[in-house]
């Protein structure tokens, strides 16, 4: 009786292992492979990051090459633009509306 009990357990265990292995090999390759869309998005993100880095580098180089007067004018223009482009807030009891 012991021999048949162990034999049935061995058959059951081998069946479970075979089923698990078959499941992973059948669909596992798909899980392990990277999707082409995912790879393309990753490459695009890397290219965008590289472009942004180069752009920032060129802007900084441009600013560095400017004279003191030009730098001061650029600073003033940026401050004015920030002030004008700031979202307008309306007062609680004022009759003015946001545009």
PDB file of N, CA and C in Angstrom:
ATOM      1  N   UNK A   1       0.814  -1.188   0.000  1.00  0.00           N
ATOM      2  CA  UNK A   1       0.000   0.000   0.000  1.00  0.00           C
ATOM      3  C   UNK A   1       0.857   1.251   0.000  1.00  0.00           C
ATOM      4  N   UNK A   2       1.958   1.244   0.711  1.00  0.00           N
ATOM      5  CA  UNK A   2       2.849   2.386   0.748  1.00  0.00           C
ATOM      6  C   UNK A   2       3.413   2.692  -0.636  1.00  0.00           C
ATOM      7  N   UNK A   3       3.756   1.652  -1.347  1.00  0.00           N
ATOM      8  CA  UNK A   3       4.344   1.847  -2.667  1.00  0.00           C
ATOM      9  C   UNK A   3       3.340   2.497  -3.627  1.00  0.00           C
ATOM     10  N   UNK A   4       2.128   2.066  -3.630  1.00  0.00           N
ATOM     11  CA  UNK A   4       1.116   2.634  -4.526  1.00  0.00           C
ATOM     12  C   UNK A   4       0.755   4.070  -4.109  1.00  0.00           C
ATOM     13  N   UNK A   5       0.771   4.328  -2.805  1.00  0.00           N
ATOM     14  CA  UNK A   5       0.492   5.677  -2.309  1.00  0.00           C
ATOM     15  C   UNK A   5       1.565   6.657  -2.793  1.00  0.00           C
ATOM     16  N   UNK A   6       2.822   6.271  -2.651  1.00  0.00           N
ATOM     17  CA  UNK A   6       3.916   7.127  -3.105  1.00  0.00           C
ATOM     18  C   UNK A   6       3.927   7.263  -4.620  1.00  0.00           C
ATOM     19  N   UNK A   7       3.546   6.191  -5.305  1.00  0.00           N
ATOM     20  CA  UNK A   7       3.504   6.233  -6.764  1.00  0.00           C
ATOM     21  C   UNK A   7       2.425   7.224  -7.236  1.00  0.00           C
ATOM     22  N   UNK A   8       1.258   7.189  -6.607  1.00  0.00           N
ATOM     23  CA  UNK A   8       0.195   8.117  -6.999  1.00  0.00           C
ATOM     24  C   UNK A   8       0.578   9.559  -6.665  1.00  0.00           C
ATOM     25  N   UNK A   9       1.263   9.760  -5.537  1.00  0.00           N
ATOM     26  CA  UNK A   9       1.726  11.110  -5.176  1.00  0.00           C
ATOM     27  C   UNK A   9       2.774  11.593  -6.171  1.00  0.00           C
ATOM     28  N   UNK A  10       3.656  10.696  -6.596  1.00  0.00           N
ATOM     29  CA  UNK A  10       4.684  11.049  -7.561  1.00  0.00           C
ATOM     30  C   UNK A  10       4.054  11.417  -8.906  1.00  0.00           C
ATOM     31  N   UNK A  11       3.057  10.669  -9.312  1.00  0.00           N
ATOM     32  CA  UNK A  11       2.369  10.967 -10.572  1.00  0.00           C
ATOM     33  C   UNK A  11       1.652  12.309 -10.477  1.00  0.00           C
ATOM     34  N   UNK A  12       0.987  12.555  -9.371  1.00  0.00           N
ATOM     35  CA  UNK A  12       0.293  13.824  -9.170  1.00  0.00           C
ATOM     36  C   UNK A  12       1.278  14.994  -9.155  1.00  0.00           C
ATOM     37  N   UNK A  13       2.393  14.859  -8.434  1.00  0.00           N
ATOM     38  CA  UNK A  13       3.394  15.920  -8.362  1.00  0.00           C
ATOM     39  C   UNK A  13       4.017  16.172  -9.734  1.00  0.00           C
ATOM     40  N   UNK A  14       4.325  15.107 -10.470  1.00  0.00           N
ATOM     41  CA  UNK A  14       4.922  15.283 -11.800  1.00  0.00           C
ATOM     42  C   UNK A  14       3.922  15.934 -12.753  1.00  0.00           C
ATOM     43  N   UNK A  15       2.637  15.602 -12.625  1.00  0.00           N
ATOM     44  CA  UNK A  15       1.614  16.222 -13.458  1.00  0.00           C
ATOM     45  C   UNK A  15       1.512  17.719 -13.165  1.00  0.00           C
ATOM     46  N   UNK A  16       1.545  18.078 -11.887  1.00  0.00           N
ATOM     47  CA  UNK A  16       1.473  19.496 -11.507  1.00  0.00           C
ATOM     48  C   UNK A  16       2.702  20.238 -12.015  1.00  0.00           C
ATOM     49  N   UNK A  17       3.866  19.655 -11.886  1.00  0.00           N
ATOM     50  CA  UNK A  17       5.101  20.285 -12.377  1.00  0.00           C
ATOM     51  C   UNK A  17       5.046  20.428 -13.890  1.00  0.00           C
ATOM     52  N   UNK A  18       4.593  19.385 -14.590  1.00  0.00           N
ATOM     53  CA  UNK A  18       4.483  19.440 -16.044  1.00  0.00           C
ATOM     54  C   UNK A  18       3.495  20.519 -16.478  1.00  0.00           C
ATOM     55  N   UNK A  19       2.370  20.608 -15.792  1.00  0.00           N
ATOM     56  CA  UNK A  19       1.357  21.606 -16.113  1.00  0.00           C
ATOM     57  C   UNK A  19       1.889  23.025 -15.878  1.00  0.00           C
ATOM     58  N   UNK A  20       2.577  23.221 -14.781  1.00  0.00           N
ATOM     59  CA  UNK A  20       3.167  24.526 -14.485  1.00  0.00           C
ATOM     60  C   UNK A  20       4.224  24.900 -15.519  1.00  0.00           C
ATOM     61  N   UNK A  21       5.089  23.943 -15.841  1.00  0.00           N
ATOM     62  CA  UNK A  21       6.142  24.202 -16.832  1.00  0.00           C
ATOM     63  C   UNK A  21       5.528  24.512 -18.194  1.00  0.00           C
ATOM     64  N   UNK A  22       4.513  23.791 -18.575  1.00  0.00           N
ATOM     65  CA  UNK A  22       3.858  24.028 -19.863  1.00  0.00           C
ATOM     66  C   UNK A  22       3.199  25.399 -19.896  1.00  0.00           C
ATOM     67  N   UNK A  23       2.600  25.799 -18.790  1.00  0.00           N
ATOM     68  CA  UNK A  23       1.955  27.115 -18.717  1.00  0.00           C
ATOM     69  C   UNK A  23       2.979  28.226 -18.894  1.00  0.00           C
ATOM     70  N   UNK A  24       4.119  28.100 -18.226  1.00  0.00           N
ATOM     71  CA  UNK A  24       5.147  29.143 -18.333  1.00  0.00           C
ATOM     72  C   UNK A  24       5.814  29.154 -19.697  1.00  0.00           C
ATOM     73  N   UNK A  25       6.027  27.988 -20.291  1.00  0.00           N
ATOM     74  CA  UNK A  25       6.674  27.985 -21.609  1.00  0.00           C
ATOM     75  C   UNK A  25       5.716  28.437 -22.693  1.00  0.00           C
ATOM     76  N   UNK A  26       4.448  28.130 -22.539  1.00  0.00           N
ATOM     77  CA  UNK A  26       3.460  28.529 -23.539  1.00  0.00           C
ATOM     78  C   UNK A  26       3.217  30.019 -23.553  1.00  0.00           C
ATOM     79  N   UNK A  27       3.021  30.599 -22.392  1.00  0.00           N
ATOM     80  CA  UNK A  27       2.750  32.031 -22.322  1.00  0.00           C
ATOM     81  C   UNK A  27       3.927  32.800 -21.749  1.00  0.00           C
ATOM     82  N   UNK A  28       4.873  32.108 -21.191  1.00  0.00           N
ATOM     83  CA  UNK A  28       6.017  32.755 -20.552  1.00  0.00           C
ATOM     84  C   UNK A  28       6.897  33.502 -21.526  1.00  0.00           C
ATOM     85  N   UNK A  29       7.017  33.001 -22.717  1.00  0.00           N
ATOM     86  CA  UNK A  29       7.840  33.690 -23.713  1.00  0.00           C
ATOM     87  C   UNK A  29       7.253  35.072 -24.006  1.00  0.00           C
ATOM     88  N   UNK A  30       5.954  35.138 -24.044  1.00  0.00           N
ATOM     89  CA  UNK A  30       5.287  36.418 -24.295  1.00  0.00           C
ATOM     90  C   UNK A  30       5.522  37.373 -23.125  1.00  0.00           C
ATOM     91  N   UNK A  31       5.552  36.823 -21.910  1.00  0.00           N
ATOM     92  CA  UNK A  31       5.773  37.664 -20.743  1.00  0.00           C
ATOM     93  C   UNK A  31       7.215  38.151 -20.695  1.00  0.00           C
ATOM     94  N   UNK A  32       8.136  37.336 -21.163  1.00  0.00           N
ATOM     95  CA  UNK A  32       9.545  37.699 -21.093  1.00  0.00           C
ATOM     96  C   UNK A  32       9.952  38.652 -22.208  1.00  0.00           C
ATOM     97  N   UNK A  33       9.304  38.549 -23.354  1.00  0.00           N
ATOM     98  CA  UNK A  33       9.640  39.434 -24.470  1.00  0.00           C
ATOM     99  C   UNK A  33       9.055  40.811 -24.222  1.00  0.00           C
ATOM    100  N   UNK A  34       9.798  41.819 -24.614  1.00  0.00           N
ATOM    101  CA  UNK A  34       9.296  43.184 -24.483  1.00  0.00           C
ATOM    102  C   UNK A  34       8.412  43.504 -25.685  1.00  0.00           C
ATOM    103  N   UNK A  35       7.364  44.181 -25.413  1.00  0.00           N
ATOM    104  CA  UNK A  35       6.440  44.574 -26.464  1.00  0.00           C
ATOM    105  C   UNK A  35       7.114  45.614 -27.356  1.00  0.00           C
ATOM    106  N   UNK A  36       6.900  45.549 -28.658  1.00  0.00           N
ATOM    107  CA  UNK A  36       7.524  46.485 -29.594  1.00  0.00           C
ATOM    108  C   UNK A  36       7.084  47.916 -29.313  1.00  0.00           C
ATOM    109  N   UNK A  37       5.830  48.076 -28.935  1.00  0.00           N
ATOM    110  CA  UNK A  37       5.327  49.408 -28.628  1.00  0.00           C
ATOM    111  C   UNK A  37       6.038  49.972 -27.405  1.00  0.00           C
ATOM    112  N   UNK A  38       6.244  49.125 -26.411  1.00  0.00           N
ATOM    113  CA  UNK A  38       6.939  49.541 -25.192  1.00  0.00           C
ATOM    114  C   UNK A  38       8.371  49.963 -25.502  1.00  0.00           C
ATOM    115  N   UNK A  39       9.036  49.207 -26.348  1.00  0.00           N
ATOM    116  CA  UNK A  39      10.414  49.524 -26.736  1.00  0.00           C
ATOM    117  C   UNK A  39      10.453  50.843 -27.496  1.00  0.00           C
ATOM    118  N   UNK A  40       9.501  51.047 -28.416  1.00  0.00           N
ATOM    119  CA  UNK A  40       9.454  52.284 -29.194  1.00  0.00           C
ATOM    120  C   UNK A  40       9.200  53.489 -28.285  1.00  0.00           C
ATOM    121  N   UNK A  41       8.311  53.324 -27.303  1.00  0.00           N
ATOM    122  CA  UNK A  41       8.049  54.426 -26.366  1.00  0.00           C
ATOM    123  C   UNK A  41       9.279  54.756 -25.540  1.00  0.00           C
ATOM    124  N   UNK A  42      10.008  53.735 -25.141  1.00  0.00           N
ATOM    125  CA  UNK A  42      11.217  53.949 -24.353  1.00  0.00           C
ATOM    126  C   UNK A  42      12.281  54.688 -25.183  1.00  0.00           C
ATOM    127  N   UNK A  43      12.436  54.288 -26.444  1.00  0.00           N
ATOM    128  CA  UNK A  43      13.386  54.967 -27.324  1.00  0.00           C
ATOM    129  C   UNK A  43      12.981  56.414 -27.554  1.00  0.00           C
ATOM    130  N   UNK A  44      11.681  56.656 -27.727  1.00  0.00           N
ATOM    131  CA  UNK A  44      11.187  58.020 -27.931  1.00  0.00           C
ATOM    132  C   UNK A  44      11.430  58.864 -26.697  1.00  0.00           C
ATOM    133  N   UNK A  45      11.218  58.293 -25.519  1.00  0.00           N
ATOM    134  CA  UNK A  45      11.451  59.028 -24.278  1.00  0.00           C
ATOM    135  C   UNK A  45      12.935  59.377 -24.129  1.00  0.00           C
ATOM    136  N   UNK A  46      13.796  58.454 -24.495  1.00  0.00           N
ATOM    137  CA  UNK A  46      15.237  58.722 -24.434  1.00  0.00           C
ATOM    138  C   UNK A  46      15.618  59.817 -25.424  1.00  0.00           C
ATOM    139  N   UNK A  47      15.048  59.781 -26.630  1.00  0.00           N
ATOM    140  CA  UNK A  47      15.346  60.798 -27.624  1.00  0.00           C
ATOM    141  C   UNK A  47      14.842  62.167 -27.163  1.00  0.00           C
ATOM    142  N   UNK A  48      13.650  62.198 -26.567  1.00  0.00           N
ATOM    143  CA  UNK A  48      13.104  63.456 -26.044  1.00  0.00           C
ATOM    144  C   UNK A  48      13.986  64.015 -24.939  1.00  0.00           C
ATOM    145  N   UNK A  49      14.453  63.139 -24.058  1.00  0.00           N
ATOM    146  CA  UNK A  49      15.311  63.578 -22.957  1.00  0.00           C
ATOM    147  C   UNK A  49      16.629  64.134 -23.497  1.00  0.00           C
ATOM    148  N   UNK A  50      17.187  63.464 -24.498  1.00  0.00           N
ATOM    149  CA  UNK A  50      18.436  63.928 -25.103  1.00  0.00           C
ATOM    150  C   UNK A  50      18.230  65.289 -25.769  1.00  0.00           C
ATOM    151  N   UNK A  51      17.109  65.455 -26.488  1.00  0.00           N
ATOM    152  CA  UNK A  51      16.816  66.724 -27.136  1.00  0.00           C
ATOM    153  C   UNK A  51      16.662  67.837 -26.105  1.00  0.00           C
ATOM    154  N   UNK A  52      15.924  67.553 -25.013  1.00  0.00           N
ATOM    155  CA  UNK A  52      15.730  68.558 -23.967  1.00  0.00           C
ATOM    156  C   UNK A  52      17.047  68.959 -23.320  1.00  0.00           C
ATOM    157  N   UNK A  53      17.914  67.992 -23.094  1.00  0.00           N
ATOM    158  CA  UNK A  53      19.220  68.300 -22.513  1.00  0.00           C
ATOM    159  C   UNK A  53      20.043  69.198 -23.441  1.00  0.00           C
ATOM    160  N   UNK A  54      20.055  68.849 -24.732  1.00  0.00           N
ATOM    161  CA  UNK A  54      20.800  69.658 -25.704  1.00  0.00           C
ATOM    162  C   UNK A  54      20.202  71.061 -25.819  1.00  0.00           C
ATOM    163  N   UNK A  55      18.883  71.161 -25.783  1.00  0.00           N
ATOM    164  CA  UNK A  55      18.217  72.452 -25.872  1.00  0.00           C
ATOM    165  C   UNK A  55      18.578  73.324 -24.674  1.00  0.00           C
ATOM    166  N   UNK A  56      18.507  72.762 -23.480  1.00  0.00           N
ATOM    167  CA  UNK A  56      18.869  73.517 -22.278  1.00  0.00           C
ATOM    168  C   UNK A  56      20.332  73.959 -22.332  1.00  0.00           C
ATOM    169  N   UNK A  57      21.172  73.097 -22.834  1.00  0.00           N
ATOM    170  CA  UNK A  57      22.596  73.429 -22.950  1.00  0.00           C
ATOM    171  C   UNK A  57      22.799  74.596 -23.913  1.00  0.00           C
ATOM    172  N   UNK A  58      22.085  74.558 -25.042  1.00  0.00           N
ATOM    173  CA  UNK A  58      22.240  75.635 -26.020  1.00  0.00           C
ATOM    174  C   UNK A  58      21.659  76.956 -25.499  1.00  0.00           C
ATOM    175  N   UNK A  59      20.545  76.883 -24.767  1.00  0.00           N
ATOM    176  CA  UNK A  59      19.956  78.104 -24.198  1.00  0.00           C
ATOM    177  C   UNK A  59      20.909  78.713 -23.178  1.00  0.00           C
ATOM    178  N   UNK A  60      21.484  77.878 -22.329  1.00  0.00           N
ATOM    179  CA  UNK A  60      22.434  78.379 -21.338  1.00  0.00           C
ATOM    180  C   UNK A  60      23.672  78.981 -22.005  1.00  0.00           C
ATOM    181  N   UNK A  61      24.125  78.347 -23.088  1.00  0.00           N
ATOM    182  CA  UNK A  61      25.282  78.877 -23.821  1.00  0.00           C
ATOM    183  C   UNK A  61      24.930  80.229 -24.440  1.00  0.00           C
ATOM    184  N   UNK A  62      23.724  80.345 -24.987  1.00  0.00           N
ATOM    185  CA  UNK A  62      23.281  81.597 -25.587  1.00  0.00           C
ATOM    186  C   UNK A  62      23.233  82.707 -24.527  1.00  0.00           C
ATOM    187  N   UNK A  63      22.671  82.382 -23.368  1.00  0.00           N
ATOM    188  CA  UNK A  63      22.589  83.380 -22.298  1.00  0.00           C
ATOM    189  C   UNK A  63      23.970  83.801 -21.830  1.00  0.00           C
ATOM    190  N   UNK A  64      24.879  82.865 -21.783  1.00  0.00           N
ATOM    191  CA  UNK A  64      26.232  83.139 -21.319  1.00  0.00           C
ATOM    192  C   UNK A  64      26.968  84.089 -22.277  1.00  0.00           C
ATOM    193  N   UNK A  65      26.661  84.004 -23.567  1.00  0.00           N
ATOM    194  CA  UNK A  65      27.342  84.809 -24.573  1.00  0.00           C
ATOM    195  C   UNK A  65      26.814  86.238 -24.670  1.00  0.00           C
ATOM    196  N   UNK A  66      25.748  86.559 -23.964  1.00  0.00           N
ATOM    197  CA  UNK A  66      25.140  87.883 -24.064  1.00  0.00           C
ATOM    198  C   UNK A  66      25.903  88.917 -23.232  1.00  0.00           C
ATOM    199  N   UNK A  67      25.751  90.175 -23.633  1.00  0.00           N
ATOM    200  CA  UNK A  67      26.373  91.263 -22.876  1.00  0.00           C
ATOM    201  C   UNK A  67      25.571  91.523 -21.599  1.00  0.00           C
ATOM    202  N   UNK A  68      26.106  92.367 -20.710  1.00  0.00           N
ATOM    203  CA  UNK A  68      25.417  92.676 -19.455  1.00  0.00           C
ATOM    204  C   UNK A  68      24.074  93.344 -19.714  1.00  0.00           C
ATOM    205  N   UNK A  69      24.038  94.271 -20.688  1.00  0.00           N
ATOM    206  CA  UNK A  69      22.796  94.966 -20.989  1.00  0.00           C
ATOM    207  C   UNK A  69      21.738  93.984 -21.511  1.00  0.00           C
ATOM    208  N   UNK A  70      22.164  93.087 -22.375  1.00  0.00           N
ATOM    209  CA  UNK A  70      21.229  92.108 -22.930  1.00  0.00           C
ATOM    210  C   UNK A  70      20.710  91.179 -21.835  1.00  0.00           C
ATOM    211  N   UNK A  71      21.606  90.775 -20.925  1.00  0.00           N
ATOM    212  CA  UNK A  71      21.195  89.921 -19.813  1.00  0.00           C
ATOM    213  C   UNK A  71      20.174  90.632 -18.929  1.00  0.00           C
ATOM    214  N   UNK A  72      20.419  91.903 -18.650  1.00  0.00           N
ATOM    215  CA  UNK A  72      19.494  92.673 -17.825  1.00  0.00           C
ATOM    216  C   UNK A  72      18.139  92.804 -18.519  1.00  0.00           C
ATOM    217  N   UNK A  73      18.160  93.044 -19.840  1.00  0.00           N
ATOM    218  CA  UNK A  73      16.919  93.169 -20.593  1.00  0.00           C
ATOM    219  C   UNK A  73      16.158  91.839 -20.606  1.00  0.00           C
ATOM    220  N   UNK A  74      16.887  90.744 -20.769  1.00  0.00           N
ATOM    221  CA  UNK A  74      16.253  89.427 -20.768  1.00  0.00           C
ATOM    222  C   UNK A  74      15.614  89.139 -19.405  1.00  0.00           C
ATOM    223  N   UNK A  75      16.303  89.515 -18.338  1.00  0.00           N
ATOM    224  CA  UNK A  75      15.791  89.310 -16.989  1.00  0.00           C
ATOM    225  C   UNK A  75      14.514  90.120 -16.773  1.00  0.00           C
ATOM    226  N   UNK A  76      14.538  91.373 -17.211  1.00  0.00           N
ATOM    227  CA  UNK A  76      13.374  92.243 -17.057  1.00  0.00           C
ATOM    228  C   UNK A  76      12.195  91.710 -17.876  1.00  0.00           C
ATOM    229  N   UNK A  77      12.456  91.265 -19.087  1.00  0.00           N
ATOM    230  CA  UNK A  77      11.411  90.727 -19.952  1.00  0.00           C
ATOM    231  C   UNK A  77      10.785  89.480 -19.328  1.00  0.00           C
ATOM    232  N   UNK A  78      11.622  88.628 -18.755  1.00  0.00           N
ATOM    233  CA  UNK A  78      11.107  87.415 -18.109  1.00  0.00           C
ATOM    234  C   UNK A  78      10.229  87.764 -16.911  1.00  0.00           C
ATOM    235  N   UNK A  79      10.663  88.738 -16.109  1.00  0.00           N
ATOM    236  CA  UNK A  79       9.857  89.158 -14.957  1.00  0.00           C
ATOM    237  C   UNK A  79       8.511  89.720 -15.410  1.00  0.00           C
ATOM    238  N   UNK A  80       8.544  90.565 -16.440  1.00  0.00           N
ATOM    239  CA  UNK A  80       7.298  91.141 -16.959  1.00  0.00           C
ATOM    240  C   UNK A  80       6.371  90.042 -17.484  1.00  0.00           C
ATOM    241  N   UNK A  81       6.938  89.102 -18.217  1.00  0.00           N
ATOM    242  CA  UNK A  81       6.127  88.021 -18.780  1.00  0.00           C
ATOM    243  C   UNK A  81       5.512  87.185 -17.667  1.00  0.00           C
ATOM    244  N   UNK A  82       6.287  86.897 -16.618  1.00  0.00           N
ATOM    245  CA  UNK A  82       5.753  86.126 -15.495  1.00  0.00           C
ATOM    246  C   UNK A  82       4.621  86.880 -14.813  1.00  0.00           C
ATOM    247  N   UNK A  83       4.802  88.197 -14.690  1.00  0.00           N
ATOM    248  CA  UNK A  83       3.778  89.001 -14.027  1.00  0.00           C
ATOM    249  C   UNK A  83       2.505  89.050 -14.867  1.00  0.00           C
ATOM    250  N   UNK A  84       2.645  89.236 -16.185  1.00  0.00           N
ATOM    251  CA  UNK A  84       1.466  89.340 -17.047  1.00  0.00           C
ATOM    252  C   UNK A  84       0.769  87.993 -17.242  1.00  0.00           C
ATOM    253  N   UNK A  85       1.534  86.925 -17.244  1.00  0.00           N
ATOM    254  CA  UNK A  85       0.962  85.603 -17.509  1.00  0.00           C
ATOM    255  C   UNK A  85       0.468  84.901 -16.254  1.00  0.00           C
ATOM    256  N   UNK A  86       0.664  85.526 -15.096  1.00  0.00           N
ATOM    257  CA  UNK A  86       0.199  84.929 -13.851  1.00  0.00           C
ATOM    258  C   UNK A  86      -1.318  84.868 -13.875  1.00  0.00           C
ATOM    259  N   UNK A  87      -1.876  83.742 -13.446  1.00  0.00           N
ATOM    260  CA  UNK A  87      -3.332  83.654 -13.460  1.00  0.00           C
ATOM    261  C   UNK A  87      -3.948  84.730 -12.565  1.00  0.00           C
ATOM    262  N   UNK A  88      -4.991  85.326 -13.061  1.00  0.00           N
ATOM    263  CA  UNK A  88      -5.637  86.399 -12.304  1.00  0.00           C
ATOM    264  C   UNK A  88      -6.575  85.792 -11.273  1.00  0.00           C
ATOM    265  N   UNK A  89      -6.524  86.351 -10.081  1.00  0.00           N
ATOM    266  CA  UNK A  89      -7.406  85.899  -9.014  1.00  0.00           C
ATOM    267  C   UNK A  89      -8.423  86.995  -8.746  1.00  0.00           C
ATOM    268  N   UNK A  90      -9.639  86.598  -8.526  1.00  0.00           N
ATOM    269  CA  UNK A  90     -10.638  87.611  -8.211  1.00  0.00           C
ATOM    270  C   UNK A  90     -10.890  87.601  -6.708  1.00  0.00           C
ATOM    271  N   UNK A  91     -11.197  88.756  -6.215  1.00  0.00           N
ATOM    272  CA  UNK A  91     -11.488  88.871  -4.811  1.00  0.00           C
ATOM    273  C   UNK A  91     -12.819  88.217  -4.463  1.00  0.00           C
ATOM    274  N   UNK A  92     -13.013  87.953  -3.219  1.00  0.00           N
ATOM    275  CA  UNK A  92     -14.222  87.291  -2.775  1.00  0.00           C
ATOM    276  C   UNK A  92     -15.463  88.160  -2.985  1.00  0.00           C
ATOM    277  N   UNK A  93     -15.330  89.433  -2.661  1.00  0.00           N
ATOM    278  CA  UNK A  93     -16.471  90.331  -2.765  1.00  0.00           C
ATOM    279  C   UNK A  93     -16.349  91.321  -3.919  1.00  0.00           C
ATOM    280  N   UNK A  94     -15.282  91.221  -4.722  1.00  0.00           N
ATOM    281  CA  UNK A  94     -15.134  92.167  -5.826  1.00  0.00           C
ATOM    282  C   UNK A  94     -15.996  91.735  -6.996  1.00  0.00           C
ATOM    283  N   UNK A  95     -16.340  92.682  -7.815  1.00  0.00           N
ATOM    284  CA  UNK A  95     -17.200  92.385  -8.954  1.00  0.00           C
ATOM    285  C   UNK A  95     -16.411  91.996 -10.197  1.00  0.00           C
ATOM    286  N   UNK A  96     -15.061  92.019 -10.128  1.00  0.00           N
ATOM    287  CA  UNK A  96     -14.266  91.698 -11.303  1.00  0.00           C
ATOM    288  C   UNK A  96     -14.261  90.209 -11.540  1.00  0.00           C
ATOM    289  N   UNK A  97     -14.261  89.827 -12.788  1.00  0.00           N
ATOM    290  CA  UNK A  97     -14.257  88.414 -13.139  1.00  0.00           C
ATOM    291  C   UNK A  97     -12.938  88.049 -13.786  1.00  0.00           C
ATOM    292  N   UNK A  98     -12.559  86.817 -13.670  1.00  0.00           N
ATOM    293  CA  UNK A  98     -11.326  86.339 -14.303  1.00  0.00           C
ATOM    294  C   UNK A  98     -11.555  86.235 -15.806  1.00  0.00           C
ATOM    295  N   UNK A  99     -10.524  86.499 -16.547  1.00  0.00           N
ATOM    296  CA  UNK A  99     -10.616  86.377 -17.994  1.00  0.00           C
ATOM    297  C   UNK A  99      -9.952  85.112 -18.441  1.00  0.00           C
TER     298      UNK A  99
END
